[in-house]
N, C-alpha and C. Protein backbone atom coordinates (compact mmCIF):
# COMPACT_ATOMS: atom_id res chain seq x y z
N MET A 1 73.63 1.29 150.33
CA MET A 1 74.59 0.43 151.01
C MET A 1 75.15 1.13 152.24
N GLU A 2 75.89 0.38 153.05
CA GLU A 2 76.46 0.93 154.28
C GLU A 2 77.97 0.70 154.32
N LEU A 3 78.65 1.69 154.85
CA LEU A 3 80.10 1.57 155.07
C LEU A 3 80.34 1.44 156.56
N SER A 4 81.18 0.50 156.94
CA SER A 4 81.50 0.34 158.36
C SER A 4 82.44 1.46 158.80
N VAL A 5 82.15 2.01 159.97
CA VAL A 5 82.95 3.10 160.53
C VAL A 5 83.75 2.55 161.71
N ILE A 6 85.05 2.83 161.73
CA ILE A 6 85.90 2.35 162.81
C ILE A 6 85.48 3.01 164.12
N ASN A 7 85.16 2.18 165.12
CA ASN A 7 84.71 2.65 166.45
C ASN A 7 83.48 3.55 166.35
N GLY A 8 82.56 3.19 165.46
CA GLY A 8 81.34 3.99 165.30
C GLY A 8 80.25 3.21 164.61
N LYS A 9 79.09 3.84 164.45
CA LYS A 9 77.95 3.20 163.78
C LYS A 9 78.17 3.19 162.28
N ALA A 10 77.58 2.18 161.62
CA ALA A 10 77.70 2.07 160.16
C ALA A 10 77.09 3.29 159.50
N LEU A 11 77.70 3.71 158.40
CA LEU A 11 77.27 4.91 157.69
C LEU A 11 76.55 4.52 156.41
N SER A 12 75.31 4.98 156.26
CA SER A 12 74.54 4.70 155.04
C SER A 12 74.98 5.66 153.93
N VAL A 13 75.33 5.09 152.77
CA VAL A 13 75.84 5.91 151.66
C VAL A 13 75.07 5.60 150.37
N ASN A 14 75.25 6.48 149.40
CA ASN A 14 74.56 6.37 148.12
C ASN A 14 75.22 5.29 147.26
N ASP A 15 74.42 4.38 146.72
CA ASP A 15 74.94 3.31 145.85
C ASP A 15 75.53 3.86 144.57
N ALA A 16 75.05 5.01 144.13
CA ALA A 16 75.55 5.61 142.87
C ALA A 16 76.98 6.09 143.02
N VAL A 17 77.44 6.29 144.26
CA VAL A 17 78.79 6.78 144.50
C VAL A 17 79.70 5.66 145.02
N PHE A 18 79.20 4.84 145.95
CA PHE A 18 80.04 3.84 146.59
C PHE A 18 79.64 2.40 146.23
N GLY A 19 78.72 2.23 145.29
CA GLY A 19 78.29 0.88 144.93
C GLY A 19 78.28 0.63 143.44
N ARG A 20 79.12 1.34 142.69
CA ARG A 20 79.13 1.18 141.23
C ARG A 20 80.02 0.02 140.81
N GLU A 21 79.69 -0.56 139.65
CA GLU A 21 80.52 -1.63 139.09
C GLU A 21 81.83 -1.04 138.58
N PHE A 22 82.88 -1.87 138.62
CA PHE A 22 84.19 -1.40 138.17
C PHE A 22 84.22 -1.29 136.65
N ASN A 23 84.71 -0.16 136.16
CA ASN A 23 84.84 0.10 134.72
C ASN A 23 86.30 0.45 134.45
N GLN A 24 87.08 -0.54 134.05
CA GLN A 24 88.52 -0.36 133.88
C GLN A 24 88.84 0.66 132.79
N ASP A 25 88.10 0.61 131.68
CA ASP A 25 88.38 1.52 130.57
C ASP A 25 88.17 2.98 130.97
N LEU A 26 87.09 3.24 131.71
CA LEU A 26 86.80 4.61 132.15
C LEU A 26 87.88 5.11 133.10
N VAL A 27 88.25 4.27 134.07
CA VAL A 27 89.27 4.67 135.05
C VAL A 27 90.60 4.92 134.36
N HIS A 28 90.97 4.03 133.44
CA HIS A 28 92.24 4.19 132.72
C HIS A 28 92.27 5.49 131.93
N GLN A 29 91.17 5.78 131.23
CA GLN A 29 91.13 7.00 130.40
C GLN A 29 91.24 8.26 131.25
N VAL A 30 90.55 8.29 132.37
CA VAL A 30 90.55 9.48 133.23
C VAL A 30 91.91 9.64 133.93
N VAL A 31 92.51 8.54 134.38
CA VAL A 31 93.81 8.62 135.04
C VAL A 31 94.89 9.10 134.06
N VAL A 32 94.88 8.54 132.85
CA VAL A 32 95.87 8.95 131.83
C VAL A 32 95.68 10.42 131.48
N ALA A 33 94.42 10.85 131.31
CA ALA A 33 94.14 12.24 130.97
C ALA A 33 94.59 13.18 132.08
N TYR A 34 94.36 12.79 133.34
CA TYR A 34 94.76 13.62 134.48
C TYR A 34 96.27 13.77 134.54
N ARG A 35 96.99 12.67 134.33
CA ARG A 35 98.46 12.73 134.37
C ARG A 35 99.02 13.51 133.18
N ASN A 36 98.41 13.35 132.03
CA ASN A 36 98.88 14.08 130.85
C ASN A 36 98.68 15.58 131.01
N ALA A 37 97.60 15.97 131.70
CA ALA A 37 97.33 17.40 131.90
C ALA A 37 98.41 18.06 132.74
N GLY A 38 99.14 17.25 133.52
CA GLY A 38 100.21 17.80 134.34
C GLY A 38 101.55 17.88 133.64
N ARG A 39 101.62 17.39 132.40
CA ARG A 39 102.89 17.44 131.66
C ARG A 39 103.13 18.85 131.13
N ALA A 40 104.37 19.28 131.20
CA ALA A 40 104.70 20.66 130.78
C ALA A 40 104.58 20.82 129.27
N GLY A 41 105.07 19.86 128.51
CA GLY A 41 105.01 19.96 127.05
C GLY A 41 105.85 21.10 126.50
N THR A 42 106.97 21.40 127.16
CA THR A 42 107.80 22.55 126.74
C THR A 42 109.06 22.13 125.99
N LYS A 43 109.21 20.84 125.69
CA LYS A 43 110.41 20.39 124.99
C LYS A 43 110.49 21.03 123.60
N ALA A 44 111.66 21.55 123.26
CA ALA A 44 111.85 22.19 121.96
C ALA A 44 113.25 21.91 121.44
N GLN A 45 113.37 21.62 120.16
CA GLN A 45 114.67 21.39 119.53
C GLN A 45 114.77 22.25 118.27
N LEU A 46 115.99 22.45 117.81
CA LEU A 46 116.20 23.25 116.61
C LEU A 46 116.17 22.35 115.37
N SER A 47 115.33 22.71 114.44
CA SER A 47 115.29 21.99 113.17
C SER A 47 116.34 22.59 112.23
N ARG A 48 116.42 22.06 111.02
CA ARG A 48 117.41 22.54 110.06
C ARG A 48 117.24 24.03 109.76
N SER A 49 115.98 24.48 109.74
CA SER A 49 115.73 25.88 109.42
C SER A 49 115.98 26.81 110.61
N ASP A 50 116.08 26.25 111.82
CA ASP A 50 116.29 27.08 113.02
C ASP A 50 117.76 27.26 113.38
N VAL A 51 118.61 26.35 112.91
CA VAL A 51 120.02 26.41 113.27
C VAL A 51 120.69 27.61 112.60
N SER A 52 121.53 28.32 113.36
CA SER A 52 122.23 29.47 112.79
C SER A 52 123.44 28.99 112.01
N GLY A 53 123.70 29.58 110.91
CA GLY A 53 124.82 29.18 110.07
C GLY A 53 124.55 29.55 108.62
N THR A 54 125.57 29.51 107.80
CA THR A 54 125.41 29.90 106.41
C THR A 54 124.60 28.87 105.63
N THR A 55 123.91 29.34 104.62
CA THR A 55 123.16 28.44 103.74
C THR A 55 123.92 28.21 102.43
N LYS A 56 125.15 28.67 102.41
CA LYS A 56 125.95 28.51 101.18
C LYS A 56 126.29 27.04 100.95
N LYS A 57 126.21 26.63 99.72
CA LYS A 57 126.59 25.26 99.36
C LYS A 57 128.11 25.15 99.53
N PHE A 58 128.56 24.21 100.41
CA PHE A 58 129.96 24.24 100.82
C PHE A 58 130.91 23.49 99.88
N LYS A 59 130.38 22.80 98.90
CA LYS A 59 131.26 22.19 97.89
C LYS A 59 130.46 22.01 96.61
N LYS A 60 131.17 21.76 95.52
CA LYS A 60 130.47 21.64 94.24
C LYS A 60 129.59 20.39 94.21
N GLN A 61 128.63 20.42 93.31
CA GLN A 61 127.64 19.34 93.24
C GLN A 61 128.28 18.01 92.82
N LYS A 62 129.13 18.06 91.83
CA LYS A 62 129.68 16.80 91.28
C LYS A 62 131.17 16.66 91.55
N GLY A 63 131.60 15.40 91.61
CA GLY A 63 133.03 15.11 91.70
C GLY A 63 133.57 15.03 93.11
N GLY A 64 132.73 15.21 94.09
CA GLY A 64 133.24 15.20 95.47
C GLY A 64 132.60 14.12 96.33
N GLY A 65 132.05 13.10 95.71
CA GLY A 65 131.38 12.06 96.50
C GLY A 65 129.92 12.41 96.73
N ALA A 66 129.46 12.29 97.98
CA ALA A 66 128.05 12.58 98.31
C ALA A 66 127.74 14.05 98.07
N ARG A 67 126.51 14.31 97.61
CA ARG A 67 126.09 15.69 97.32
C ARG A 67 125.52 16.33 98.58
N HIS A 68 125.90 17.58 98.85
CA HIS A 68 125.38 18.28 100.03
C HIS A 68 125.10 19.74 99.70
N GLY A 69 124.18 20.29 100.51
CA GLY A 69 123.87 21.70 100.35
C GLY A 69 124.67 22.53 101.35
N ASP A 70 124.21 22.55 102.62
CA ASP A 70 124.92 23.35 103.63
C ASP A 70 125.17 22.50 104.88
N TYR A 71 125.92 23.06 105.79
CA TYR A 71 126.32 22.33 107.00
C TYR A 71 125.22 22.25 108.06
N ARG A 72 124.06 22.82 107.77
CA ARG A 72 122.98 22.75 108.75
C ARG A 72 122.18 21.46 108.61
N ALA A 73 122.55 20.59 107.68
CA ALA A 73 121.86 19.32 107.48
C ALA A 73 121.99 18.44 108.73
N PRO A 74 121.01 17.61 109.02
CA PRO A 74 121.02 16.81 110.26
C PRO A 74 122.20 15.84 110.38
N ILE A 75 122.84 15.45 109.28
CA ILE A 75 123.92 14.47 109.38
C ILE A 75 125.23 15.08 109.87
N PHE A 76 125.30 16.40 109.95
CA PHE A 76 126.53 17.05 110.41
C PHE A 76 126.42 17.44 111.88
N VAL A 77 127.57 17.44 112.58
CA VAL A 77 127.62 17.91 113.97
C VAL A 77 127.25 19.39 113.99
N GLY A 78 126.33 19.75 114.85
CA GLY A 78 125.88 21.14 114.91
C GLY A 78 124.73 21.44 113.97
N GLY A 79 124.31 20.42 113.20
CA GLY A 79 123.18 20.61 112.29
C GLY A 79 121.85 20.50 113.03
N GLY A 80 120.77 20.70 112.31
CA GLY A 80 119.44 20.64 112.91
C GLY A 80 118.99 19.22 113.20
N VAL A 81 117.98 19.08 114.03
CA VAL A 81 117.39 17.78 114.35
C VAL A 81 116.39 17.42 113.27
N THR A 82 116.39 16.15 112.85
CA THR A 82 115.54 15.74 111.72
C THR A 82 114.06 15.99 111.99
N PHE A 83 113.53 15.41 113.07
CA PHE A 83 112.13 15.65 113.43
C PHE A 83 112.12 16.38 114.77
N ALA A 84 112.37 17.67 114.71
CA ALA A 84 112.56 18.48 115.93
C ALA A 84 111.28 18.55 116.75
N ALA A 85 111.45 18.37 118.08
CA ALA A 85 110.31 18.48 118.99
C ALA A 85 109.88 19.94 119.10
N ARG A 86 108.58 20.14 119.19
CA ARG A 86 108.02 21.49 119.36
C ARG A 86 107.16 21.53 120.62
N PRO A 87 107.08 22.68 121.28
CA PRO A 87 106.19 22.77 122.46
C PRO A 87 104.76 22.41 122.08
N ARG A 88 104.13 21.58 122.91
CA ARG A 88 102.75 21.17 122.61
C ARG A 88 102.02 20.82 123.90
N SER A 89 100.73 20.78 123.81
CA SER A 89 99.90 20.43 124.95
C SER A 89 99.55 18.94 124.89
N PHE A 90 99.66 18.27 126.04
CA PHE A 90 99.30 16.85 126.12
C PHE A 90 97.88 16.66 126.67
N ALA A 91 97.16 17.75 126.88
CA ALA A 91 95.84 17.68 127.50
C ALA A 91 94.86 16.87 126.66
N GLN A 92 94.05 16.08 127.35
CA GLN A 92 92.99 15.30 126.70
C GLN A 92 91.65 15.75 127.28
N LYS A 93 90.66 15.79 126.42
CA LYS A 93 89.34 16.26 126.88
C LYS A 93 88.64 15.16 127.67
N VAL A 94 88.24 15.48 128.89
CA VAL A 94 87.44 14.58 129.72
C VAL A 94 86.31 15.42 130.29
N ASN A 95 85.08 15.07 129.95
CA ASN A 95 83.97 15.89 130.45
C ASN A 95 83.67 15.57 131.93
N LYS A 96 82.85 16.41 132.54
CA LYS A 96 82.59 16.30 133.98
C LYS A 96 81.94 14.97 134.35
N LYS A 97 81.03 14.51 133.49
CA LYS A 97 80.31 13.27 133.78
C LYS A 97 81.28 12.08 133.83
N MET A 98 82.23 12.05 132.89
CA MET A 98 83.22 10.98 132.88
C MET A 98 84.12 11.04 134.11
N TYR A 99 84.57 12.25 134.46
CA TYR A 99 85.47 12.43 135.59
C TYR A 99 84.79 12.00 136.89
N ARG A 100 83.56 12.48 137.10
CA ARG A 100 82.83 12.12 138.32
C ARG A 100 82.53 10.63 138.35
N GLY A 101 82.20 10.08 137.20
CA GLY A 101 81.92 8.64 137.12
C GLY A 101 83.14 7.82 137.49
N ALA A 102 84.32 8.23 136.99
CA ALA A 102 85.55 7.51 137.30
C ALA A 102 85.88 7.59 138.79
N MET A 103 85.68 8.75 139.39
CA MET A 103 85.93 8.91 140.82
C MET A 103 85.01 7.99 141.63
N ALA A 104 83.74 7.91 141.23
CA ALA A 104 82.79 7.04 141.93
C ALA A 104 83.17 5.57 141.77
N VAL A 105 83.60 5.19 140.58
CA VAL A 105 84.02 3.80 140.32
C VAL A 105 85.23 3.44 141.18
N ILE A 106 86.19 4.34 141.27
CA ILE A 106 87.40 4.09 142.08
C ILE A 106 87.04 3.95 143.56
N LEU A 107 86.21 4.85 144.07
CA LEU A 107 85.79 4.78 145.47
C LEU A 107 85.02 3.50 145.76
N SER A 108 84.17 3.08 144.82
CA SER A 108 83.40 1.85 144.98
C SER A 108 84.33 0.64 145.05
N GLU A 109 85.34 0.61 144.18
CA GLU A 109 86.29 -0.50 144.17
C GLU A 109 87.14 -0.53 145.45
N LEU A 110 87.53 0.64 145.95
CA LEU A 110 88.27 0.72 147.21
C LEU A 110 87.44 0.16 148.36
N ALA A 111 86.14 0.49 148.36
CA ALA A 111 85.25 -0.02 149.42
C ALA A 111 85.09 -1.54 149.31
N ARG A 112 84.96 -2.06 148.08
CA ARG A 112 84.81 -3.51 147.88
C ARG A 112 86.05 -4.28 148.34
N GLN A 113 87.22 -3.70 148.09
CA GLN A 113 88.47 -4.37 148.43
C GLN A 113 88.88 -4.17 149.90
N GLY A 114 88.10 -3.41 150.64
CA GLY A 114 88.41 -3.17 152.05
C GLY A 114 89.55 -2.20 152.26
N ARG A 115 89.84 -1.39 151.26
CA ARG A 115 90.93 -0.42 151.35
C ARG A 115 90.43 0.97 151.76
N LEU A 116 89.10 1.12 151.91
CA LEU A 116 88.51 2.39 152.32
C LEU A 116 88.16 2.29 153.80
N MET A 117 88.83 3.07 154.63
CA MET A 117 88.62 3.02 156.07
C MET A 117 87.98 4.32 156.53
N VAL A 118 86.73 4.21 157.01
CA VAL A 118 85.96 5.39 157.42
C VAL A 118 86.10 5.58 158.92
N VAL A 119 86.39 6.83 159.31
CA VAL A 119 86.52 7.18 160.73
C VAL A 119 85.64 8.40 161.02
N GLU A 120 85.26 8.55 162.29
CA GLU A 120 84.42 9.69 162.68
C GLU A 120 85.15 11.01 162.45
N GLY A 121 86.41 11.05 162.81
CA GLY A 121 87.24 12.23 162.62
C GLY A 121 88.71 11.82 162.65
N PHE A 122 89.54 12.63 162.01
CA PHE A 122 90.96 12.28 162.00
C PHE A 122 91.79 13.55 162.11
N ASP A 123 92.52 13.66 163.21
CA ASP A 123 93.38 14.84 163.42
C ASP A 123 94.43 14.48 164.46
N VAL A 124 95.42 15.34 164.60
CA VAL A 124 96.45 15.16 165.62
C VAL A 124 96.49 16.42 166.48
N ASP A 125 96.89 16.24 167.75
CA ASP A 125 96.91 17.36 168.69
C ASP A 125 98.04 18.34 168.39
N ALA A 126 99.16 17.81 167.91
CA ALA A 126 100.33 18.66 167.64
C ALA A 126 100.96 18.25 166.32
N PRO A 127 101.67 19.17 165.67
CA PRO A 127 102.30 18.83 164.38
C PRO A 127 103.53 17.95 164.55
N LYS A 128 103.33 16.75 165.12
CA LYS A 128 104.42 15.82 165.40
C LYS A 128 104.24 14.56 164.55
N THR A 129 105.28 14.21 163.80
CA THR A 129 105.24 13.03 162.95
C THR A 129 105.05 11.76 163.79
N LYS A 130 105.67 11.71 164.95
CA LYS A 130 105.61 10.53 165.81
C LYS A 130 104.16 10.19 166.18
N GLY A 131 103.36 11.19 166.50
CA GLY A 131 101.97 10.97 166.88
C GLY A 131 101.14 10.40 165.74
N LEU A 132 101.37 10.91 164.54
CA LEU A 132 100.62 10.42 163.37
C LEU A 132 101.03 8.99 163.02
N VAL A 133 102.32 8.70 163.13
CA VAL A 133 102.81 7.34 162.84
C VAL A 133 102.16 6.33 163.78
N ALA A 134 102.08 6.69 165.06
CA ALA A 134 101.46 5.81 166.05
C ALA A 134 99.98 5.60 165.75
N LYS A 135 99.31 6.67 165.33
CA LYS A 135 97.88 6.59 165.03
C LYS A 135 97.61 5.69 163.82
N LEU A 136 98.45 5.82 162.81
CA LEU A 136 98.29 5.00 161.61
C LEU A 136 98.65 3.53 161.89
N ALA A 137 99.63 3.31 162.77
CA ALA A 137 100.03 1.95 163.13
C ALA A 137 98.89 1.22 163.84
N GLU A 138 98.13 1.94 164.66
CA GLU A 138 96.98 1.35 165.35
C GLU A 138 95.92 0.89 164.35
N MET A 139 95.76 1.66 163.27
CA MET A 139 94.73 1.34 162.28
C MET A 139 95.18 0.26 161.30
N LYS A 140 96.47 -0.09 161.31
CA LYS A 140 97.02 -1.12 160.41
C LYS A 140 96.76 -0.80 158.94
N VAL A 141 97.18 0.38 158.55
CA VAL A 141 96.99 0.82 157.16
C VAL A 141 98.12 0.28 156.29
N GLY A 142 97.95 0.40 154.95
CA GLY A 142 98.97 -0.05 154.01
C GLY A 142 100.15 0.90 153.95
N ALA A 143 101.13 0.53 153.12
CA ALA A 143 102.35 1.34 153.02
C ALA A 143 102.06 2.72 152.45
N ARG A 144 101.23 2.76 151.43
CA ARG A 144 100.86 4.05 150.83
C ARG A 144 99.47 4.43 151.33
N THR A 145 99.41 5.48 152.11
CA THR A 145 98.15 5.86 152.76
C THR A 145 97.72 7.26 152.33
N LEU A 146 96.45 7.38 152.01
CA LEU A 146 95.86 8.68 151.69
C LEU A 146 94.85 9.03 152.77
N ILE A 147 95.03 10.18 153.39
CA ILE A 147 94.10 10.65 154.43
C ILE A 147 93.23 11.74 153.83
N VAL A 148 91.92 11.52 153.84
CA VAL A 148 90.98 12.49 153.26
C VAL A 148 90.10 13.04 154.37
N SER A 149 90.15 14.36 154.55
CA SER A 149 89.36 15.02 155.58
C SER A 149 88.52 16.11 154.94
N GLU A 150 87.43 16.47 155.62
CA GLU A 150 86.57 17.53 155.07
C GLU A 150 87.32 18.86 155.03
N GLN A 151 88.18 19.07 156.02
CA GLN A 151 89.00 20.28 156.05
C GLN A 151 90.24 19.96 156.90
N ALA A 152 91.28 19.46 156.25
CA ALA A 152 92.47 19.01 156.96
C ALA A 152 93.14 20.17 157.69
N SER A 153 93.52 19.93 158.94
CA SER A 153 94.15 20.98 159.75
C SER A 153 95.62 21.12 159.38
N GLU A 154 96.19 22.24 159.77
CA GLU A 154 97.61 22.49 159.52
C GLU A 154 98.48 21.50 160.28
N ASN A 155 98.04 21.14 161.50
CA ASN A 155 98.78 20.16 162.31
C ASN A 155 98.91 18.83 161.58
N LEU A 156 97.82 18.42 160.93
CA LEU A 156 97.81 17.14 160.22
C LEU A 156 98.74 17.19 159.00
N TYR A 157 98.70 18.28 158.27
CA TYR A 157 99.59 18.45 157.11
C TYR A 157 101.06 18.41 157.53
N LEU A 158 101.38 19.13 158.61
CA LEU A 158 102.77 19.21 159.08
C LEU A 158 103.25 17.86 159.62
N ALA A 159 102.35 17.14 160.29
CA ALA A 159 102.72 15.85 160.85
C ALA A 159 102.97 14.80 159.76
N ALA A 160 102.29 14.95 158.62
CA ALA A 160 102.38 13.93 157.56
C ALA A 160 103.48 14.20 156.54
N ARG A 161 104.00 15.42 156.49
CA ARG A 161 104.88 15.77 155.38
C ARG A 161 106.23 15.06 155.41
N ASN A 162 106.64 14.55 156.58
CA ASN A 162 107.92 13.83 156.66
C ASN A 162 107.77 12.32 156.59
N ILE A 163 106.53 11.84 156.40
CA ILE A 163 106.30 10.39 156.33
C ILE A 163 106.23 10.00 154.85
N PRO A 164 107.12 9.12 154.39
CA PRO A 164 107.08 8.72 152.98
C PRO A 164 105.76 8.03 152.64
N TYR A 165 105.21 8.35 151.49
CA TYR A 165 104.02 7.70 150.94
C TYR A 165 102.74 7.96 151.73
N VAL A 166 102.73 8.96 152.59
CA VAL A 166 101.49 9.34 153.28
C VAL A 166 101.09 10.72 152.79
N GLU A 167 99.87 10.82 152.26
CA GLU A 167 99.36 12.09 151.73
C GLU A 167 98.14 12.53 152.51
N VAL A 168 97.97 13.83 152.64
CA VAL A 168 96.79 14.40 153.28
C VAL A 168 96.08 15.29 152.26
N ARG A 169 94.81 15.04 152.06
CA ARG A 169 94.03 15.84 151.11
C ARG A 169 92.70 16.22 151.74
N ASP A 170 92.17 17.37 151.31
CA ASP A 170 90.77 17.65 151.61
C ASP A 170 89.95 17.21 150.40
N VAL A 171 88.63 17.29 150.50
CA VAL A 171 87.77 16.79 149.43
C VAL A 171 88.00 17.55 148.13
N GLN A 172 88.25 18.86 148.23
CA GLN A 172 88.49 19.68 147.03
C GLN A 172 89.77 19.27 146.31
N GLY A 173 90.74 18.73 147.04
CA GLY A 173 92.01 18.36 146.44
C GLY A 173 92.11 16.90 146.03
N LEU A 174 90.99 16.19 146.09
CA LEU A 174 90.99 14.76 145.75
C LEU A 174 91.09 14.58 144.24
N ASP A 175 91.88 13.60 143.81
CA ASP A 175 92.02 13.32 142.37
C ASP A 175 92.14 11.82 142.15
N PRO A 176 91.89 11.35 140.92
CA PRO A 176 91.90 9.91 140.65
C PRO A 176 93.27 9.26 140.82
N VAL A 177 94.34 9.97 140.51
CA VAL A 177 95.68 9.39 140.60
C VAL A 177 96.05 9.08 142.05
N SER A 178 95.74 10.00 142.97
CA SER A 178 96.06 9.77 144.38
C SER A 178 95.24 8.62 144.95
N LEU A 179 93.98 8.47 144.50
CA LEU A 179 93.13 7.37 144.97
C LEU A 179 93.62 6.02 144.45
N VAL A 180 93.95 5.97 143.17
CA VAL A 180 94.40 4.72 142.56
C VAL A 180 95.74 4.27 143.16
N GLY A 181 96.60 5.21 143.48
CA GLY A 181 97.94 4.87 143.98
C GLY A 181 98.00 4.53 145.45
N ALA A 182 96.89 4.67 146.17
CA ALA A 182 96.90 4.43 147.62
C ALA A 182 96.57 2.98 147.94
N ASP A 183 97.32 2.41 148.90
CA ASP A 183 96.99 1.07 149.41
C ASP A 183 95.80 1.16 150.36
N SER A 184 95.76 2.22 151.15
CA SER A 184 94.67 2.44 152.10
C SER A 184 94.23 3.89 152.02
N VAL A 185 92.92 4.11 152.09
CA VAL A 185 92.37 5.46 152.11
C VAL A 185 91.60 5.64 153.42
N VAL A 186 92.09 6.53 154.26
CA VAL A 186 91.43 6.84 155.54
C VAL A 186 90.60 8.10 155.31
N ILE A 187 89.29 7.99 155.50
CA ILE A 187 88.39 9.10 155.17
C ILE A 187 87.42 9.35 156.32
N THR A 188 87.14 10.60 156.57
CA THR A 188 86.22 10.95 157.65
C THR A 188 84.77 10.88 157.16
N THR A 189 83.84 10.74 158.10
CA THR A 189 82.41 10.64 157.74
C THR A 189 81.93 11.93 157.08
N GLU A 190 82.43 13.08 157.54
CA GLU A 190 82.02 14.36 156.94
C GLU A 190 82.54 14.46 155.51
N ALA A 191 83.74 13.94 155.27
CA ALA A 191 84.29 13.94 153.91
C ALA A 191 83.47 13.04 153.00
N VAL A 192 82.98 11.93 153.52
CA VAL A 192 82.13 11.02 152.74
C VAL A 192 80.87 11.74 152.31
N LYS A 193 80.26 12.51 153.21
CA LYS A 193 79.05 13.26 152.87
C LYS A 193 79.30 14.31 151.80
N LEU A 194 80.45 15.00 151.91
CA LEU A 194 80.79 16.00 150.90
C LEU A 194 81.04 15.35 149.54
N ILE A 195 81.67 14.19 149.53
CA ILE A 195 81.93 13.47 148.27
C ILE A 195 80.60 13.03 147.65
N GLU A 196 79.65 12.60 148.49
CA GLU A 196 78.32 12.22 147.97
C GLU A 196 77.63 13.40 147.30
N GLU A 197 77.70 14.56 147.94
CA GLU A 197 77.10 15.76 147.36
C GLU A 197 77.73 16.10 146.02
N TRP A 198 79.04 15.88 145.91
CA TRP A 198 79.79 16.21 144.71
C TRP A 198 79.51 15.23 143.56
N LEU A 199 79.48 13.94 143.87
CA LEU A 199 79.44 12.92 142.83
C LEU A 199 78.05 12.34 142.56
N ALA A 200 77.12 12.49 143.49
CA ALA A 200 75.79 11.89 143.32
C ALA A 200 74.99 12.59 142.22
């Protein structure tokens, strides 16, 4: 298949990367796994056995109403938590084939919906936000824009960092969450070739 290039000749691309059918289950699984891998999982609470305090039975068993052992029980203020949270990993296993497949499916869907905009090159002369805003306005991109370059320059990173919802990534830093969350993806022809090498 071919992708239209803004102010340039159409670019022939691999159908296995940019022409795949949409697979919602695969995309959902990979996106959830990617986001879960970023969770810290460090939440910890004190259970009844972790709380400091005496273990002495504080009143006799009978004749005093409800029976209790010690003050570390969860029903008392300062007692332990009933089902205390422990540090744990939220990571889910996703093999390389699934991950690459999901990336190809997302890119294919972006191309079908007209949200993938291919350009010969994308850079700014100076690290000025104003220049990048004007450039994006000319292209009529969506509110949330992802710029993908083969090797993004420092000027481009600096120009984009003060614009809300505009991200700059190189091919190595591309991930499914950033692609799914973008209204428009502006990508260079060299970046398209690198993505083909990676995912084909």
